[in-house]
Amino acid sequence: MLFDLLPKTKKKDLFGVDYAFQTLVDAISDDSTRMVIIKGLRRVGKTSLMNVALNEIPFDGVNIDVRESPYYDQQRFFSYLVEKIRRKVSEPIISQILKKISGVGISYKDISAQLFFSKHENFQFFFENLNKQLLKNDKKIVLAFDEVQLLKEIKFDYILASIFDNYPQIRLVLTGSEIGLLEKFIGKSNYDSPLYGRAYLEIELKRMVPEATEKFLEQGFAQINKKISFGEVRDVVEHLDGIIGWITHYGWLRHEGTLHEEALEKVKREGQELVKREIKQFLNKRKAKLKYLLLLKFLANGNNTWTELKYNFVKEDKKITDNQLNFYLKELLDYGFIEKISEKYYLSDPILLLVAKR
């Protein structure tokens, strides 16, 4: 169902991404493509696209939602990843790999296996032997990391570079909503990244245009045997600005019997709480919290150029240097809170706009 709140797993439930979907499936299935990058703002459907593609390819896909993993601890993350892989390639193969590397009979569940992964070099041995086992059994596997940029702190980009270079039976799919950080992670603008220079296919998902939003609502309401008026469609287009995650939430509420105005207000209210948490998490490690919040407020009030933003800081009697302003804007861009279009800056989400105005 189009209005299902969970990430999609079936092709029939995807909307408006047929070309991106086929491009992704073809790329994963092509021996010449070792890595695919899916990027886009929050809540535009990256996870759903990846999930469905993994279910359609002719070999096993391992979906790793990095946000739900112990991504802050290298040893614990690797144990988590091995468990994910085991579910696809079977426990005996994993146990066989561990035994071959360590020389002792251990299973993936044993504490000795966890201790084994405390050594960084053993990561490489694991993937080397996994690749050999896959080749021996004429199999391939796709490792798909959702919000992969979070793994930068444990230097997992070095492992991914090694997989890319040395283990052709393993394909990589990487997604990220914090677009600037994702691009740094994969080495697009970061020469020091271990992944710099590796060839990849890039797929970018964007918000829906108004015509696509209208069609999405039309098809979604047809599925639930309900009608939506032209005025209601117009309200959704105006207030939710093509972000499929918010529009799906609205559709789900209507499916559950909530009236139009109440459904729209509930999406805004609940969405603001989610966005506030995202902003709070972003600000936690930053000293200049007030200046970031002022920047968001100025942008929400329609000050979209660098000059206008600098003027507003002066007007508010808040000291800020040119370098500081550039740095704060770059940070907000990297984390996907704002977009830069034709030398102007815009908030990337209609719900963020409501939060920033307050």
Protein backbone atom coordinates (compact mmCIF):
# COMPACT_ATOMS: atom_id res chain seq x y z
CA MET A 1 0.00 0.00 0.00
CA LEU A 2 1.32 3.45 -0.92
CA PHE A 3 0.28 4.89 2.45
CA ASP A 4 2.05 2.23 4.55
CA LEU A 5 4.27 4.02 7.06
CA LEU A 6 6.97 1.35 7.04
CA PRO A 7 9.73 1.45 4.39
CA LYS A 8 8.53 -0.37 1.28
CA THR A 9 9.71 -3.89 0.44
CA LYS A 10 7.69 -4.64 -2.73
CA LYS A 11 8.04 -3.01 -6.13
CA LYS A 12 4.29 -2.44 -6.47
CA ASP A 13 4.42 -0.14 -3.44
CA LEU A 14 7.09 2.16 -4.87
CA PHE A 15 5.93 5.37 -6.51
CA GLY A 16 7.57 7.62 -9.06
CA VAL A 17 11.01 6.02 -8.98
CA ASP A 18 10.77 3.42 -11.76
CA TYR A 19 13.86 4.71 -13.54
CA ALA A 20 15.91 4.93 -10.33
CA PHE A 21 14.76 1.45 -9.32
CA GLN A 22 15.71 -0.16 -12.64
CA THR A 23 19.00 1.72 -12.70
CA LEU A 24 19.83 0.41 -9.22
CA VAL A 25 18.89 -3.21 -9.98
CA ASP A 26 20.82 -3.17 -13.27
CA ALA A 27 23.88 -1.67 -11.59
CA ILE A 28 23.93 -4.20 -8.74
CA SER A 29 23.56 -7.05 -11.24
CA ASP A 30 26.39 -5.76 -13.45
CA ASP A 31 29.84 -7.18 -12.66
CA SER A 32 31.46 -3.90 -13.71
CA THR A 33 29.67 -1.92 -10.97
CA ARG A 34 31.13 -2.49 -7.52
CA MET A 35 29.49 0.36 -5.62
CA VAL A 36 26.26 2.38 -5.87
CA ILE A 37 25.53 5.57 -3.94
CA ILE A 38 21.93 6.61 -3.19
CA LYS A 39 21.65 10.14 -1.85
CA GLY A 40 18.81 12.52 -1.10
CA LEU A 41 17.22 14.59 1.64
CA ARG A 42 15.57 13.00 4.65
CA ARG A 43 12.26 11.24 4.00
CA VAL A 44 12.41 11.15 0.17
CA GLY A 45 12.33 7.33 -0.10
CA LYS A 46 15.96 6.17 -0.20
CA THR A 47 15.45 3.30 2.24
CA SER A 48 12.37 2.03 0.39
CA LEU A 49 14.20 2.11 -2.94
CA MET A 50 17.12 0.17 -1.49
CA ASN A 51 14.90 -2.39 0.29
CA VAL A 52 12.89 -3.19 -2.81
CA ALA A 53 15.98 -3.47 -5.01
CA LEU A 54 17.57 -5.93 -2.56
CA ASN A 55 14.46 -8.09 -2.83
CA GLU A 56 14.56 -8.04 -6.64
CA ILE A 57 18.20 -8.83 -7.37
CA PRO A 58 19.24 -12.42 -8.25
CA PHE A 59 21.52 -12.84 -5.22
CA ASP A 60 21.54 -12.17 -1.49
CA GLY A 61 21.34 -8.65 -0.12
CA VAL A 62 22.18 -7.66 3.46
CA ASN A 63 20.41 -4.51 4.65
CA ILE A 64 22.26 -2.68 7.43
CA ASP A 65 20.44 0.30 8.95
CA VAL A 66 23.44 1.97 10.55
CA ARG A 67 21.22 4.08 12.83
CA GLU A 68 20.02 0.93 14.58
CA SER A 69 23.53 -0.52 14.97
CA PRO A 70 26.31 0.12 17.52
CA TYR A 71 27.99 2.35 14.94
CA TYR A 72 30.01 4.17 17.60
CA ASP A 73 32.06 1.06 18.52
CA GLN A 74 34.17 -0.70 15.90
CA GLN A 75 34.28 -4.12 17.54
CA ARG A 76 30.58 -4.21 18.38
CA PHE A 77 29.60 -2.96 14.94
CA PHE A 78 31.63 -5.65 13.22
CA SER A 79 30.03 -8.37 15.34
CA TYR A 80 26.64 -6.88 14.47
CA LEU A 81 27.54 -6.92 10.76
CA VAL A 82 28.72 -10.54 10.87
CA GLU A 83 25.41 -11.55 12.42
CA LYS A 84 23.56 -9.75 9.62
CA ILE A 85 25.66 -11.52 7.01
CA ARG A 86 25.20 -14.89 8.74
CA ARG A 87 21.44 -14.67 8.28
CA LYS A 88 21.98 -14.57 4.53
CA VAL A 89 24.89 -16.93 3.92
CA SER A 90 24.10 -19.35 6.80
CA GLU A 91 25.79 -19.96 10.13
CA PRO A 92 27.94 -22.96 9.02
CA ILE A 93 29.74 -20.82 6.44
CA ILE A 94 30.43 -18.08 8.97
CA SER A 95 31.65 -20.59 11.56
CA GLN A 96 33.85 -22.21 8.92
CA ILE A 97 35.36 -18.83 8.08
CA LEU A 98 36.07 -18.05 11.73
CA LYS A 99 37.63 -21.45 12.27
CA LYS A 100 39.83 -21.10 9.21
CA ILE A 101 41.07 -17.69 10.28
CA SER A 102 41.54 -18.39 14.00
CA GLY A 103 42.52 -22.05 13.85
CA VAL A 104 39.99 -22.98 16.54
CA GLY A 105 36.46 -24.29 16.34
CA ILE A 106 34.29 -21.33 17.28
CA SER A 107 30.84 -20.25 16.23
CA TYR A 108 29.66 -16.74 15.54
CA LYS A 109 27.89 -16.78 18.94
CA ASP A 110 31.02 -17.44 20.98
CA ILE A 111 32.66 -14.73 23.02
CA SER A 112 35.94 -15.86 21.46
CA ALA A 113 34.60 -14.73 18.10
CA GLN A 114 33.85 -11.29 19.53
CA LEU A 115 37.36 -11.09 20.95
CA PHE A 116 38.71 -12.17 17.58
CA PHE A 117 37.15 -9.12 15.96
CA SER A 118 38.82 -6.79 18.42
CA LYS A 119 41.84 -6.82 16.11
CA HIS A 120 41.43 -4.48 13.15
CA GLU A 121 43.45 -6.65 10.76
CA ASN A 122 41.07 -9.55 11.30
CA PHE A 123 38.31 -7.60 9.58
CA GLN A 124 40.24 -7.98 6.35
CA PHE A 125 40.76 -11.71 6.89
CA PHE A 126 37.06 -12.20 7.45
CA PHE A 127 36.07 -10.53 4.19
CA GLU A 128 38.87 -12.26 2.31
CA ASN A 129 37.58 -15.66 3.40
CA LEU A 130 33.95 -14.65 2.88
CA ASN A 131 34.82 -13.70 -0.69
CA LYS A 132 36.54 -17.08 -1.19
CA GLN A 133 33.50 -18.95 0.14
CA LEU A 134 31.16 -16.97 -2.09
CA LEU A 135 33.35 -17.64 -5.12
CA LYS A 136 33.55 -21.33 -4.25
CA ASN A 137 29.75 -21.53 -4.11
CA ASP A 138 29.31 -19.30 -7.20
CA LYS A 139 27.49 -16.66 -5.16
CA LYS A 140 27.57 -12.90 -4.74
CA ILE A 141 26.32 -10.77 -1.90
CA VAL A 142 25.33 -7.10 -1.61
CA LEU A 143 26.12 -5.19 1.57
CA ALA A 144 23.76 -2.19 1.73
CA PHE A 145 24.51 0.42 4.40
CA ASP A 146 21.74 2.94 5.14
CA GLU A 147 23.11 6.27 6.51
CA VAL A 148 26.65 4.99 6.00
CA GLN A 149 28.30 8.32 6.88
CA LEU A 150 27.72 7.50 10.56
CA LEU A 151 30.47 4.87 10.29
CA LYS A 152 33.17 7.48 9.69
CA GLU A 153 34.02 7.70 13.40
CA ILE A 154 35.02 4.01 13.55
CA LYS A 155 36.96 4.33 10.27
CA PHE A 156 34.81 1.79 8.48
CA ASP A 157 35.50 3.60 5.22
CA TYR A 158 38.91 1.87 5.24
CA ILE A 159 37.16 -1.52 5.35
CA LEU A 160 34.79 -0.54 2.54
CA ALA A 161 37.73 0.59 0.40
CA SER A 162 39.40 -2.77 0.96
CA ILE A 163 36.21 -4.64 0.04
CA PHE A 164 35.92 -2.56 -3.12
CA ASP A 165 39.53 -3.18 -4.13
CA ASN A 166 39.92 -6.85 -3.28
CA TYR A 167 36.67 -8.81 -2.99
CA PRO A 168 34.66 -8.83 -6.24
CA GLN A 169 31.98 -11.21 -4.91
CA ILE A 170 30.84 -8.45 -2.55
CA ARG A 171 28.92 -5.44 -3.90
CA LEU A 172 28.28 -2.23 -1.96
CA VAL A 173 25.23 0.04 -1.81
CA LEU A 174 25.61 3.14 0.36
CA THR A 175 22.90 5.68 1.23
CA GLY A 176 22.90 8.92 3.17
CA SER A 177 20.62 11.85 4.04
CA GLU A 178 23.46 14.03 5.32
CA ILE A 179 24.57 14.61 1.77
CA GLY A 180 27.68 16.65 2.43
CA LEU A 181 28.98 14.12 4.95
CA LEU A 182 28.14 11.25 2.61
CA GLU A 183 30.11 12.88 -0.20
CA LYS A 184 33.09 13.38 2.11
CA PHE A 185 32.83 9.77 3.26
CA ILE A 186 33.00 8.41 -0.29
CA GLY A 187 35.76 10.82 -1.27
CA LYS A 188 33.82 12.99 -3.70
CA SER A 189 35.36 16.16 -2.33
CA ASN A 190 37.75 14.65 0.18
CA TYR A 191 41.10 13.52 -1.23
CA ASP A 192 42.03 12.03 2.15
CA SER A 193 39.09 9.62 2.15
CA PRO A 194 40.08 5.94 1.78
CA LEU A 195 37.30 5.65 -0.82
CA TYR A 196 38.59 8.53 -2.94
CA GLY A 197 38.96 7.62 -6.60
CA ARG A 198 36.76 4.52 -6.52
CA ALA A 199 34.26 4.39 -9.36
CA TYR A 200 30.61 4.31 -8.38
CA LEU A 201 27.15 4.90 -9.79
CA GLU A 202 25.23 7.72 -8.11
CA ILE A 203 21.44 7.84 -7.81
CA GLU A 204 19.83 10.95 -6.31
CA LEU A 205 16.24 11.03 -5.09
CA LYS A 206 14.47 14.38 -4.86
CA ARG A 207 11.17 15.68 -3.52
CA MET A 208 8.13 15.13 -5.72
CA VAL A 209 6.95 17.91 -8.01
CA PRO A 210 3.32 19.04 -7.46
CA GLU A 211 2.01 16.94 -10.35
CA ALA A 212 3.62 13.82 -8.89
CA THR A 213 2.20 14.58 -5.44
CA GLU A 214 -1.26 14.85 -6.95
CA LYS A 215 -0.88 11.52 -8.72
CA PHE A 216 0.51 9.84 -5.60
CA LEU A 217 -2.49 11.00 -3.56
CA GLU A 218 -4.91 9.96 -6.30
CA GLN A 219 -3.48 6.44 -6.50
CA GLY A 220 -3.15 6.11 -2.72
CA PHE A 221 -6.75 7.13 -2.07
CA ALA A 222 -7.94 4.78 -4.82
CA GLN A 223 -6.19 1.93 -3.00
CA ILE A 224 -8.03 2.67 0.26
CA ASN A 225 -11.36 3.28 -1.54
CA LYS A 226 -11.66 6.89 -0.42
CA LYS A 227 -11.94 10.22 -2.21
CA ILE A 228 -9.85 13.34 -1.84
CA SER A 229 -10.99 16.74 -3.05
CA PHE A 230 -9.04 19.15 -5.23
CA GLY A 231 -8.79 21.58 -2.32
CA GLU A 232 -7.36 18.90 -0.03
CA VAL A 233 -4.78 17.93 -2.64
CA ARG A 234 -3.83 21.57 -3.02
CA ASP A 235 -3.33 21.89 0.75
CA VAL A 236 -1.05 18.85 0.86
CA VAL A 237 1.01 20.15 -2.06
CA GLU A 238 1.35 23.55 -0.41
CA HIS A 239 2.14 22.44 3.14
CA LEU A 240 4.20 19.25 2.66
CA ASP A 241 6.22 20.34 -0.39
CA GLY A 242 6.72 17.00 -2.11
CA ILE A 243 8.39 15.18 0.82
CA ILE A 244 6.99 11.68 0.33
CA GLY A 245 7.54 10.70 3.97
CA TRP A 246 5.25 13.45 5.26
CA ILE A 247 2.69 12.90 2.49
CA THR A 248 2.59 9.17 3.22
CA HIS A 249 1.96 9.96 6.90
CA TYR A 250 -0.94 12.20 5.87
CA GLY A 251 -2.36 9.44 3.66
CA TRP A 252 -2.08 6.89 6.47
CA LEU A 253 -3.99 9.14 8.85
CA ARG A 254 -6.75 9.57 6.25
CA HIS A 255 -6.80 5.79 5.79
CA GLU A 256 -7.34 5.48 9.56
CA GLY A 257 -10.36 7.81 9.36
CA THR A 258 -8.81 11.15 10.33
CA LEU A 259 -10.37 14.15 8.57
CA HIS A 260 -8.29 16.29 6.22
CA GLU A 261 -7.50 19.32 8.39
CA GLU A 262 -6.82 17.24 11.48
CA ALA A 263 -4.58 14.86 9.51
CA LEU A 264 -2.56 17.73 8.06
CA GLU A 265 -2.16 19.36 11.47
CA LYS A 266 -1.14 16.06 13.05
CA VAL A 267 1.56 15.51 10.43
CA LYS A 268 2.88 19.00 11.15
CA ARG A 269 2.71 18.57 14.93
CA GLU A 270 4.35 15.13 15.05
CA GLY A 271 6.80 16.07 12.31
CA GLN A 272 7.97 19.08 14.27
CA GLU A 273 8.81 16.92 17.27
CA LEU A 274 10.89 14.64 15.05
CA VAL A 275 12.68 17.56 13.39
CA LYS A 276 13.37 19.16 16.78
CA ARG A 277 15.10 15.96 17.89
CA GLU A 278 17.18 15.95 14.71
CA ILE A 279 18.24 19.56 15.27
CA LYS A 280 18.97 18.91 18.95
CA GLN A 281 21.16 15.96 18.04
CA PHE A 282 23.01 18.12 15.51
CA LEU A 283 23.57 20.91 18.05
CA ASN A 284 24.66 18.66 20.93
CA LYS A 285 28.36 18.80 20.09
CA ARG A 286 28.42 22.40 18.89
CA LYS A 287 29.23 25.46 20.98
CA ALA A 288 27.61 28.06 18.68
CA LYS A 289 24.08 26.70 19.18
CA LEU A 290 22.41 30.12 19.19
CA LYS A 291 24.01 31.18 15.91
CA TYR A 292 22.89 28.00 14.16
CA LEU A 293 19.35 28.56 15.43
CA LEU A 294 19.41 32.19 14.33
CA LEU A 295 20.57 31.12 10.87
CA LEU A 296 17.63 28.73 10.59
CA LYS A 297 15.27 31.48 11.78
CA PHE A 298 16.61 33.99 9.26
CA LEU A 299 16.24 31.47 6.44
CA ALA A 300 12.69 30.65 7.55
CA ASN A 301 11.86 34.35 7.31
CA GLY A 302 12.98 34.51 3.69
CA ASN A 303 16.54 35.77 4.01
CA ASN A 304 18.13 33.53 1.42
CA THR A 305 21.36 35.23 0.34
CA TRP A 306 24.68 35.34 2.17
CA THR A 307 24.48 39.15 2.36
CA GLU A 308 20.99 39.10 3.87
CA LEU A 309 22.04 36.55 6.46
CA LYS A 310 25.12 38.56 7.46
CA TYR A 311 23.01 41.73 7.71
CA ASN A 312 20.51 40.01 10.01
CA PHE A 313 23.26 38.98 12.43
CA VAL A 314 24.40 42.61 12.57
CA LYS A 315 20.80 43.75 13.02
CA GLU A 316 20.38 41.32 15.94
CA ASP A 317 23.65 42.64 17.41
CA LYS A 318 25.24 39.18 17.14
CA LYS A 319 28.89 39.23 16.18
CA ILE A 320 29.86 36.82 13.42
CA THR A 321 32.84 36.82 11.05
CA ASP A 322 32.60 35.99 7.36
CA ASN A 323 34.51 32.75 7.95
CA GLN A 324 32.16 31.74 10.77
CA LEU A 325 29.08 32.37 8.65
CA ASN A 326 30.55 30.33 5.80
CA PHE A 327 31.39 27.50 8.21
CA TYR A 328 27.91 27.41 9.78
CA LEU A 329 26.23 27.39 6.38
CA LYS A 330 28.50 24.59 5.19
CA GLU A 331 27.68 22.53 8.29
CA LEU A 332 23.94 22.95 7.73
CA LEU A 333 24.41 21.99 4.08
CA ASP A 334 26.50 18.94 4.97
CA TYR A 335 23.86 17.66 7.38
CA GLY A 336 21.02 18.21 4.91
CA PHE A 337 19.12 20.88 6.84
CA ILE A 338 19.48 23.44 4.06
CA GLU A 339 19.98 23.44 0.29
CA LYS A 340 21.90 25.85 -1.93
CA ILE A 341 20.26 26.71 -5.24
CA SER A 342 21.69 29.40 -7.55
CA GLU A 343 23.73 31.01 -4.76
CA LYS A 344 20.71 31.15 -2.43
CA TYR A 345 20.07 29.08 0.68
CA TYR A 346 16.78 27.40 1.54
CA LEU A 347 15.50 25.16 4.33
CA SER A 348 15.22 21.65 2.93
CA ASP A 349 11.99 20.57 4.62
CA PRO A 350 8.58 22.25 5.08
CA ILE A 351 8.32 20.96 8.66
CA LEU A 352 11.78 22.34 9.46
CA LEU A 353 10.46 25.68 8.20
CA LEU A 354 7.71 25.59 10.85
CA VAL A 355 10.20 24.71 13.59
CA ALA A 356 12.67 27.43 12.54
CA LYS A 357 10.00 30.13 12.51
CA ARG A 358 9.30 29.43 16.17
